[in-house]
């Protein structure tokens, strides 16, 4: 009796950990390489241990054949990767906005290593990514992510073949929405830069002897920094609202 009990509970924990652990690999900040691998593993194991008694009722019975168990675990890994990639796509809106702002403001050449996306990125993109990551935890948005992990068992039931067509379509739509949101966040800079360049063009025609490049570039950087300091609050508010709205379908309430 005890052996059967241990087998069932080990099976439930393995299935839960397959999805939760995969989500923890792909989501930003918590899945970054700057966090020790043992720390990430411990965090994933802790969440899986807490969620095991909550989710055990929706899991299928323990299969008798190893092949069936492998299919269930594979489906859980696929569902966890899908949820983690959707959240990661939401995060890249700040990278898109920061890259657009860098090109407009003339700071695209100042590239730094961004540990959040694990690649070289513009300094403004790295700054906006760090601010977004900080606000996600300060505003307790990460609680929505944990709730989405739990509610995802209603959306992607273990042992049931997921609809790959719908998953692919949703991922493509999420990437498209992420790009649109990134451009929308950078709208203040696009508008101001358009007016600024039109003014420079008129000034060049009126006074061709003025060295526009040496005058315009420092002024453009200063103007962009002022706009960023004034608009960063509203930009992050819009981003957090969109993050909440995009993760809401996984929660279902």
C-alpha atoms as a PDB file:
ATOM      1  CA  UNK A   1       0.000   0.000   0.000  1.00  0.00           C
ATOM      2  CA  UNK A   2       2.785   2.412   0.927  1.00  0.00           C
ATOM      3  CA  UNK A   3       4.705   1.549  -2.243  1.00  0.00           C
ATOM      4  CA  UNK A   4       1.648   2.272  -4.388  1.00  0.00           C
ATOM      5  CA  UNK A   5       1.110   5.584  -2.585  1.00  0.00           C
ATOM      6  CA  UNK A   6       4.712   6.639  -3.173  1.00  0.00           C
ATOM      7  CA  UNK A   7       4.526   5.693  -6.855  1.00  0.00           C
ATOM      8  CA  UNK A   8       1.388   7.736  -7.430  1.00  0.00           C
ATOM      9  CA  UNK A   9       2.755  10.802  -5.650  1.00  0.00           C
ATOM     10  CA  UNK A  10       6.096  10.569  -7.457  1.00  0.00           C
ATOM     11  CA  UNK A  11       4.218  10.360 -10.757  1.00  0.00           C
ATOM     12  CA  UNK A  12       2.118  13.443  -9.914  1.00  0.00           C
ATOM     13  CA  UNK A  13       5.192  15.433  -8.875  1.00  0.00           C
ATOM     14  CA  UNK A  14       7.108  14.493 -12.030  1.00  0.00           C
ATOM     15  CA  UNK A  15       4.209  15.553 -14.264  1.00  0.00           C
ATOM     16  CA  UNK A  16       3.772  18.856 -12.418  1.00  0.00           C
ATOM     17  CA  UNK A  17       7.498  19.565 -12.419  1.00  0.00           C
ATOM     18  CA  UNK A  18       7.695  18.873 -16.170  1.00  0.00           C
ATOM     19  CA  UNK A  19       5.430  21.834 -16.896  1.00  0.00           C
ATOM     20  CA  UNK A  20       6.481  24.203 -14.109  1.00  0.00           C
ATOM     21  CA  UNK A  21      10.189  23.557 -14.643  1.00  0.00           C
ATOM     22  CA  UNK A  22       9.864  24.240 -18.369  1.00  0.00           C
ATOM     23  CA  UNK A  23       8.046  27.520 -17.688  1.00  0.00           C
ATOM     24  CA  UNK A  24      10.847  28.552 -15.345  1.00  0.00           C
ATOM     25  CA  UNK A  25      13.398  27.984 -18.111  1.00  0.00           C
ATOM     26  CA  UNK A  26      11.802  30.374 -20.602  1.00  0.00           C
ATOM     27  CA  UNK A  27      10.303  33.191 -18.536  1.00  0.00           C
ATOM     28  CA  UNK A  28      12.472  36.329 -18.201  1.00  0.00           C
ATOM     29  CA  UNK A  29      14.372  37.280 -15.032  1.00  0.00           C
ATOM     30  CA  UNK A  30      13.704  34.021 -13.147  1.00  0.00           C
ATOM     31  CA  UNK A  31      14.993  31.978 -16.066  1.00  0.00           C
ATOM     32  CA  UNK A  32      18.112  34.070 -16.683  1.00  0.00           C
ATOM     33  CA  UNK A  33      21.582  32.580 -16.575  1.00  0.00           C
ATOM     34  CA  UNK A  34      22.685  35.233 -14.077  1.00  0.00           C
ATOM     35  CA  UNK A  35      20.675  33.307 -11.477  1.00  0.00           C
ATOM     36  CA  UNK A  36      22.509  30.196 -10.318  1.00  0.00           C
ATOM     37  CA  UNK A  37      21.222  26.998 -11.889  1.00  0.00           C
ATOM     38  CA  UNK A  38      20.753  25.455  -8.450  1.00  0.00           C
ATOM     39  CA  UNK A  39      18.671  28.439  -7.370  1.00  0.00           C
ATOM     40  CA  UNK A  40      16.430  28.184 -10.424  1.00  0.00           C
ATOM     41  CA  UNK A  41      16.081  24.431  -9.911  1.00  0.00           C
ATOM     42  CA  UNK A  42      15.245  24.882  -6.237  1.00  0.00           C
ATOM     43  CA  UNK A  43      12.643  27.538  -7.058  1.00  0.00           C
ATOM     44  CA  UNK A  44      11.014  25.316  -9.696  1.00  0.00           C
ATOM     45  CA  UNK A  45      11.002  22.338  -7.306  1.00  0.00           C
ATOM     46  CA  UNK A  46       9.490  24.474  -4.533  1.00  0.00           C
ATOM     47  CA  UNK A  47       6.645  25.746  -6.757  1.00  0.00           C
ATOM     48  CA  UNK A  48       6.014  22.224  -8.077  1.00  0.00           C
ATOM     49  CA  UNK A  49       5.906  20.837  -4.535  1.00  0.00           C
ATOM     50  CA  UNK A  50       3.394  23.498  -3.476  1.00  0.00           C
ATOM     51  CA  UNK A  51       1.179  23.023  -6.539  1.00  0.00           C
ATOM     52  CA  UNK A  52       1.216  19.195  -6.506  1.00  0.00           C
ATOM     53  CA  UNK A  53      -1.714  18.723  -4.050  1.00  0.00           C
ATOM     54  CA  UNK A  54      -3.667  21.487  -5.827  1.00  0.00           C
ATOM     55  CA  UNK A  55      -3.323  20.005  -9.312  1.00  0.00           C
ATOM     56  CA  UNK A  56      -3.360  16.290  -8.491  1.00  0.00           C
ATOM     57  CA  UNK A  57      -7.119  16.023  -9.110  1.00  0.00           C
ATOM     58  CA  UNK A  58      -6.886  17.129 -12.766  1.00  0.00           C
ATOM     59  CA  UNK A  59      -4.069  14.745 -13.698  1.00  0.00           C
ATOM     60  CA  UNK A  60      -4.830  11.459 -15.459  1.00  0.00           C
ATOM     61  CA  UNK A  61      -4.272   8.167 -13.710  1.00  0.00           C
ATOM     62  CA  UNK A  62      -0.735   6.842 -13.662  1.00  0.00           C
ATOM     63  CA  UNK A  63      -0.163   4.899 -16.900  1.00  0.00           C
ATOM     64  CA  UNK A  64       1.127   1.373 -16.816  1.00  0.00           C
ATOM     65  CA  UNK A  65       3.370   1.661 -19.893  1.00  0.00           C
ATOM     66  CA  UNK A  66       6.505   3.859 -19.940  1.00  0.00           C
ATOM     67  CA  UNK A  67       5.617   5.071 -23.445  1.00  0.00           C
ATOM     68  CA  UNK A  68       2.345   6.551 -22.199  1.00  0.00           C
ATOM     69  CA  UNK A  69       4.169   8.242 -19.335  1.00  0.00           C
ATOM     70  CA  UNK A  70       6.663   9.702 -21.805  1.00  0.00           C
ATOM     71  CA  UNK A  71       3.847  11.105 -23.931  1.00  0.00           C
ATOM     72  CA  UNK A  72       2.235  12.756 -20.907  1.00  0.00           C
ATOM     73  CA  UNK A  73       5.539  14.274 -19.785  1.00  0.00           C
ATOM     74  CA  UNK A  74       6.254  15.423 -23.349  1.00  0.00           C
ATOM     75  CA  UNK A  75       2.863  17.138 -23.535  1.00  0.00           C
ATOM     76  CA  UNK A  76       3.545  18.882 -20.226  1.00  0.00           C
ATOM     77  CA  UNK A  77       6.919  20.110 -21.473  1.00  0.00           C
ATOM     78  CA  UNK A  78       5.253  21.445 -24.632  1.00  0.00           C
ATOM     79  CA  UNK A  79       2.568  23.280 -22.624  1.00  0.00           C
ATOM     80  CA  UNK A  80       5.171  24.747 -20.265  1.00  0.00           C
ATOM     81  CA  UNK A  81       7.370  25.882 -23.152  1.00  0.00           C
ATOM     82  CA  UNK A  82       4.380  27.526 -24.832  1.00  0.00           C
ATOM     83  CA  UNK A  83       3.386  29.459 -21.701  1.00  0.00           C
ATOM     84  CA  UNK A  84       6.981  30.486 -20.995  1.00  0.00           C
ATOM     85  CA  UNK A  85       7.571  31.669 -24.561  1.00  0.00           C
ATOM     86  CA  UNK A  86       4.351  33.700 -24.563  1.00  0.00           C
ATOM     87  CA  UNK A  87       5.458  35.491 -21.392  1.00  0.00           C
ATOM     88  CA  UNK A  88       8.933  36.019 -22.836  1.00  0.00           C
ATOM     89  CA  UNK A  89       7.399  37.491 -26.007  1.00  0.00           C
ATOM     90  CA  UNK A  90       5.444  39.949 -23.842  1.00  0.00           C
ATOM     91  CA  UNK A  91       8.690  41.055 -22.253  1.00  0.00           C
ATOM     92  CA  UNK A  92      10.393  41.774 -25.587  1.00  0.00           C
ATOM     93  CA  UNK A  93       8.061  44.738 -26.173  1.00  0.00           C
ATOM     94  CA  UNK A  94      10.440  46.805 -24.040  1.00  0.00           C
ATOM     95  CA  UNK A  95      13.362  45.653 -26.172  1.00  0.00           C
ATOM     96  CA  UNK A  96      11.563  46.729 -29.345  1.00  0.00           C
ATOM     97  CA  UNK A  97      10.674  50.107 -27.849  1.00  0.00           C
ATOM     98  CA  UNK A  98      14.202  50.648 -26.540  1.00  0.00           C
ATOM     99  CA  UNK A  99      15.748  49.756 -29.898  1.00  0.00           C
ATOM    100  CA  UNK A 100      13.450  52.143 -31.781  1.00  0.00           C
ATOM    101  CA  UNK A 101      14.175  54.918 -29.273  1.00  0.00           C
ATOM    102  CA  UNK A 102      17.920  54.297 -29.574  1.00  0.00           C
ATOM    103  CA  UNK A 103      17.842  54.629 -33.353  1.00  0.00           C
ATOM    104  CA  UNK A 104      15.763  57.794 -33.172  1.00  0.00           C
ATOM    105  CA  UNK A 105      17.807  59.436 -30.420  1.00  0.00           C
ATOM    106  CA  UNK A 106      21.197  58.626 -31.946  1.00  0.00           C
ATOM    107  CA  UNK A 107      22.280  56.235 -29.174  1.00  0.00           C
ATOM    108  CA  UNK A 108      22.064  53.039 -31.208  1.00  0.00           C
ATOM    109  CA  UNK A 109      25.870  52.721 -31.275  1.00  0.00           C
ATOM    110  CA  UNK A 110      26.135  52.462 -27.478  1.00  0.00           C
ATOM    111  CA  UNK A 111      25.600  48.724 -27.146  1.00  0.00           C
ATOM    112  CA  UNK A 112      25.868  46.906 -23.832  1.00  0.00           C
ATOM    113  CA  UNK A 113      25.329  43.317 -22.756  1.00  0.00           C
ATOM    114  CA  UNK A 114      21.792  42.892 -21.494  1.00  0.00           C
ATOM    115  CA  UNK A 115      21.655  39.939 -19.075  1.00  0.00           C
ATOM    116  CA  UNK A 116      17.854  39.789 -19.323  1.00  0.00           C
ATOM    117  CA  UNK A 117      17.798  38.907 -23.031  1.00  0.00           C
ATOM    118  CA  UNK A 118      21.356  37.485 -22.891  1.00  0.00           C
ATOM    119  CA  UNK A 119      22.657  39.428 -25.893  1.00  0.00           C
ATOM    120  CA  UNK A 120      24.039  42.795 -26.931  1.00  0.00           C
ATOM    121  CA  UNK A 121      21.342  45.458 -27.022  1.00  0.00           C
ATOM    122  CA  UNK A 122      21.042  49.223 -27.073  1.00  0.00           C
ATOM    123  CA  UNK A 123      21.560  50.907 -23.737  1.00  0.00           C
ATOM    124  CA  UNK A 124      18.016  52.325 -23.739  1.00  0.00           C
ATOM    125  CA  UNK A 125      16.588  48.857 -24.415  1.00  0.00           C
ATOM    126  CA  UNK A 126      18.549  47.428 -21.505  1.00  0.00           C
ATOM    127  CA  UNK A 127      17.369  50.231 -19.235  1.00  0.00           C
ATOM    128  CA  UNK A 128      13.714  49.764 -20.177  1.00  0.00           C
ATOM    129  CA  UNK A 129      14.000  46.002 -19.780  1.00  0.00           C
ATOM    130  CA  UNK A 130      15.440  46.362 -16.284  1.00  0.00           C
ATOM    131  CA  UNK A 131      12.720  48.855 -15.302  1.00  0.00           C
ATOM    132  CA  UNK A 132       9.996  46.553 -16.667  1.00  0.00           C
ATOM    133  CA  UNK A 133      11.412  43.562 -14.788  1.00  0.00           C
ATOM    134  CA  UNK A 134      11.586  45.575 -11.564  1.00  0.00           C
ATOM    135  CA  UNK A 135       8.003  46.830 -11.900  1.00  0.00           C
ATOM    136  CA  UNK A 136       6.674  43.332 -12.623  1.00  0.00           C
ATOM    137  CA  UNK A 137       7.847  42.273  -9.170  1.00  0.00           C
ATOM    138  CA  UNK A 138       7.089  45.537  -7.363  1.00  0.00           C
ATOM    139  CA  UNK A 139       3.479  45.520  -8.612  1.00  0.00           C
ATOM    140  CA  UNK A 140       3.114  41.769  -7.844  1.00  0.00           C
ATOM    141  CA  UNK A 141       2.516  40.936 -11.495  1.00  0.00           C
ATOM    142  CA  UNK A 142       4.542  37.755 -10.956  1.00  0.00           C
ATOM    143  CA  UNK A 143       1.611  36.485  -8.888  1.00  0.00           C
ATOM    144  CA  UNK A 144      -0.439  36.517 -12.090  1.00  0.00           C
ATOM    145  CA  UNK A 145       2.210  34.349 -13.693  1.00  0.00           C
ATOM    146  CA  UNK A 146       2.023  31.786 -10.895  1.00  0.00           C
ATOM    147  CA  UNK A 147      -1.771  31.847 -11.125  1.00  0.00           C
ATOM    148  CA  UNK A 148      -1.490  31.332 -14.883  1.00  0.00           C
ATOM    149  CA  UNK A 149       0.655  28.250 -14.241  1.00  0.00           C
ATOM    150  CA  UNK A 150      -2.111  26.764 -12.111  1.00  0.00           C
ATOM    151  CA  UNK A 151      -4.964  27.745 -14.415  1.00  0.00           C
ATOM    152  CA  UNK A 152      -3.077  26.454 -17.454  1.00  0.00           C
ATOM    153  CA  UNK A 153      -4.019  22.933 -16.338  1.00  0.00           C
ATOM    154  CA  UNK A 154      -7.594  23.803 -17.223  1.00  0.00           C
ATOM    155  CA  UNK A 155      -6.560  25.158 -20.619  1.00  0.00           C
ATOM    156  CA  UNK A 156      -4.017  22.439 -21.448  1.00  0.00           C
ATOM    157  CA  UNK A 157      -5.251  19.322 -19.697  1.00  0.00           C
ATOM    158  CA  UNK A 158      -2.550  16.716 -19.012  1.00  0.00           C
ATOM    159  CA  UNK A 159      -2.832  13.635 -21.190  1.00  0.00           C
ATOM    160  CA  UNK A 160      -4.859  15.473 -23.858  1.00  0.00           C
ATOM    161  CA  UNK A 161      -3.181  16.242 -27.172  1.00  0.00           C
ATOM    162  CA  UNK A 162      -2.844  20.052 -27.460  1.00  0.00           C
ATOM    163  CA  UNK A 163      -4.100  21.916 -30.498  1.00  0.00           C
ATOM    164  CA  UNK A 164      -0.829  22.828 -32.171  1.00  0.00           C
ATOM    165  CA  UNK A 165      -2.570  24.985 -34.778  1.00  0.00           C
ATOM    166  CA  UNK A 166      -4.147  27.245 -32.165  1.00  0.00           C
ATOM    167  CA  UNK A 167      -0.895  27.400 -30.203  1.00  0.00           C
ATOM    168  CA  UNK A 168       1.063  28.428 -33.298  1.00  0.00           C
ATOM    169  CA  UNK A 169      -1.529  31.037 -34.229  1.00  0.00           C
ATOM    170  CA  UNK A 170      -1.540  32.507 -30.740  1.00  0.00           C
ATOM    171  CA  UNK A 171       2.254  32.653 -30.638  1.00  0.00           C
ATOM    172  CA  UNK A 172       2.373  34.438 -33.997  1.00  0.00           C
ATOM    173  CA  UNK A 173      -0.306  36.898 -32.861  1.00  0.00           C
ATOM    174  CA  UNK A 174       1.561  37.518 -29.611  1.00  0.00           C
ATOM    175  CA  UNK A 175       4.799  38.296 -31.434  1.00  0.00           C
ATOM    176  CA  UNK A 176       2.914  40.679 -33.735  1.00  0.00           C
ATOM    177  CA  UNK A 177       1.237  42.396 -30.785  1.00  0.00           C
ATOM    178  CA  UNK A 178       4.596  42.666 -29.045  1.00  0.00           C
ATOM    179  CA  UNK A 179       6.102  44.529 -31.997  1.00  0.00           C
ATOM    180  CA  UNK A 180       3.062  46.820 -32.233  1.00  0.00           C
ATOM    181  CA  UNK A 181       3.238  47.578 -28.508  1.00  0.00           C
ATOM    182  CA  UNK A 182       6.959  48.334 -28.756  1.00  0.00           C
ATOM    183  CA  UNK A 183       6.351  50.861 -31.514  1.00  0.00           C
ATOM    184  CA  UNK A 184       3.437  52.381 -29.576  1.00  0.00           C
ATOM    185  CA  UNK A 185       5.636  52.833 -26.500  1.00  0.00           C
ATOM    186  CA  UNK A 186       8.161  54.742 -28.590  1.00  0.00           C
ATOM    187  CA  UNK A 187       5.511  57.005 -30.178  1.00  0.00           C
ATOM    188  CA  UNK A 188       6.489  60.155 -28.172  1.00  0.00           C
ATOM    189  CA  UNK A 189      10.029  59.906 -29.511  1.00  0.00           C
ATOM    190  CA  UNK A 190       8.835  59.316 -33.082  1.00  0.00           C
ATOM    191  CA  UNK A 191       6.600  62.402 -32.997  1.00  0.00           C
ATOM    192  CA  UNK A 192       9.216  64.675 -31.412  1.00  0.00           C
ATOM    193  CA  UNK A 193      11.984  63.392 -33.690  1.00  0.00           C
ATOM    194  CA  UNK A 194       9.837  63.960 -36.779  1.00  0.00           C
ATOM    195  CA  UNK A 195       9.250  67.586 -35.774  1.00  0.00           C
ATOM    196  CA  UNK A 196      12.923  67.935 -34.833  1.00  0.00           C
ATOM    197  CA  UNK A 197      14.201  66.674 -38.187  1.00  0.00           C
ATOM    198  CA  UNK A 198      11.733  68.848 -40.097  1.00  0.00           C
ATOM    199  CA  UNK A 199      13.051  71.854 -38.175  1.00  0.00           C
ATOM    200  CA  UNK A 200      16.640  70.850 -38.956  1.00  0.00           C
ATOM    201  CA  UNK A 201      15.783  70.563 -42.626  1.00  0.00           C
ATOM    202  CA  UNK A 202      14.301  74.043 -42.677  1.00  0.00           C
ATOM    203  CA  UNK A 203      17.310  75.385 -40.747  1.00  0.00           C
ATOM    204  CA  UNK A 204      19.703  73.769 -43.218  1.00  0.00           C
ATOM    205  CA  UNK A 205      17.949  75.470 -46.102  1.00  0.00           C
ATOM    206  CA  UNK A 206      17.959  78.856 -44.366  1.00  0.00           C
ATOM    207  CA  UNK A 207      21.564  78.684 -43.120  1.00  0.00           C
ATOM    208  CA  UNK A 208      23.623  76.160 -45.124  1.00  0.00           C
ATOM    209  CA  UNK A 209      26.842  77.257 -43.411  1.00  0.00           C
ATOM    210  CA  UNK A 210      25.752  75.940 -39.991  1.00  0.00           C
ATOM    211  CA  UNK A 211      27.403  72.553 -39.182  1.00  0.00           C
ATOM    212  CA  UNK A 212      24.144  70.719 -38.597  1.00  0.00           C
ATOM    213  CA  UNK A 213      25.746  67.413 -37.649  1.00  0.00           C
ATOM    214  CA  UNK A 214      27.796  68.835 -34.784  1.00  0.00           C
ATOM    215  CA  UNK A 215      24.907  70.954 -33.541  1.00  0.00           C
ATOM    216  CA  UNK A 216      22.057  68.505 -34.012  1.00  0.00           C
ATOM    217  CA  UNK A 217      23.511  65.303 -32.548  1.00  0.00           C
ATOM    218  CA  UNK A 218      24.219  66.547 -28.979  1.00  0.00           C
ATOM    219  CA  UNK A 219      20.927  68.426 -28.909  1.00  0.00           C
ATOM    220  CA  UNK A 220      19.095  65.331 -30.148  1.00  0.00           C
ATOM    221  CA  UNK A 221      20.556  63.145 -27.393  1.00  0.00           C
ATOM    222  CA  UNK A 222      19.740  65.699 -24.690  1.00  0.00           C
ATOM    223  CA  UNK A 223      16.196  66.124 -26.003  1.00  0.00           C
ATOM    224  CA  UNK A 224      15.684  62.343 -26.080  1.00  0.00           C
ATOM    225  CA  UNK A 225      16.908  61.959 -22.495  1.00  0.00           C
ATOM    226  CA  UNK A 226      14.501  64.673 -21.346  1.00  0.00           C
ATOM    227  CA  UNK A 227      11.593  62.998 -23.157  1.00  0.00           C
ATOM    228  CA  UNK A 228      12.552  59.627 -21.685  1.00  0.00           C
ATOM    229  CA  UNK A 229      12.588  61.027 -18.150  1.00  0.00           C
ATOM    230  CA  UNK A 230       9.145  62.561 -18.693  1.00  0.00           C
ATOM    231  CA  UNK A 231       7.500  59.650 -20.517  1.00  0.00           C
ATOM    232  CA  UNK A 232       8.971  56.573 -18.809  1.00  0.00           C
ATOM    233  CA  UNK A 233       6.182  56.488 -16.204  1.00  0.00           C
ATOM    234  CA  UNK A 234       3.394  56.486 -18.758  1.00  0.00           C
ATOM    235  CA  UNK A 235       5.237  54.008 -20.986  1.00  0.00           C
ATOM    236  CA  UNK A 236       5.652  51.505 -18.165  1.00  0.00           C
ATOM    237  CA  UNK A 237       2.003  51.956 -17.130  1.00  0.00           C
ATOM    238  CA  UNK A 238       0.875  51.062 -20.648  1.00  0.00           C
ATOM    239  CA  UNK A 239       3.271  48.105 -20.716  1.00  0.00           C
ATOM    240  CA  UNK A 240       2.059  46.701 -17.392  1.00  0.00           C
ATOM    241  CA  UNK A 241      -1.571  47.047 -18.478  1.00  0.00           C
ATOM    242  CA  UNK A 242      -0.867  45.168 -21.694  1.00  0.00           C
ATOM    243  CA  UNK A 243       1.065  42.496 -19.795  1.00  0.00           C
ATOM    244  CA  UNK A 244      -1.919  41.952 -17.518  1.00  0.00           C
ATOM    245  CA  UNK A 245      -4.379  41.837 -20.419  1.00  0.00           C
ATOM    246  CA  UNK A 246      -2.249  39.365 -22.400  1.00  0.00           C
ATOM    247  CA  UNK A 247      -1.806  36.960 -19.519  1.00  0.00           C
ATOM    248  CA  UNK A 248      -5.492  37.148 -18.539  1.00  0.00           C
ATOM    249  CA  UNK A 249      -6.620  34.444 -21.060  1.00  0.00           C
ATOM    250  CA  UNK A 250      -4.454  31.902 -19.237  1.00  0.00           C
ATOM    251  CA  UNK A 251      -6.128  32.792 -15.940  1.00  0.00           C
ATOM    252  CA  UNK A 252      -9.664  32.756 -17.288  1.00  0.00           C
ATOM    253  CA  UNK A 253     -11.136  35.227 -14.810  1.00  0.00           C
END
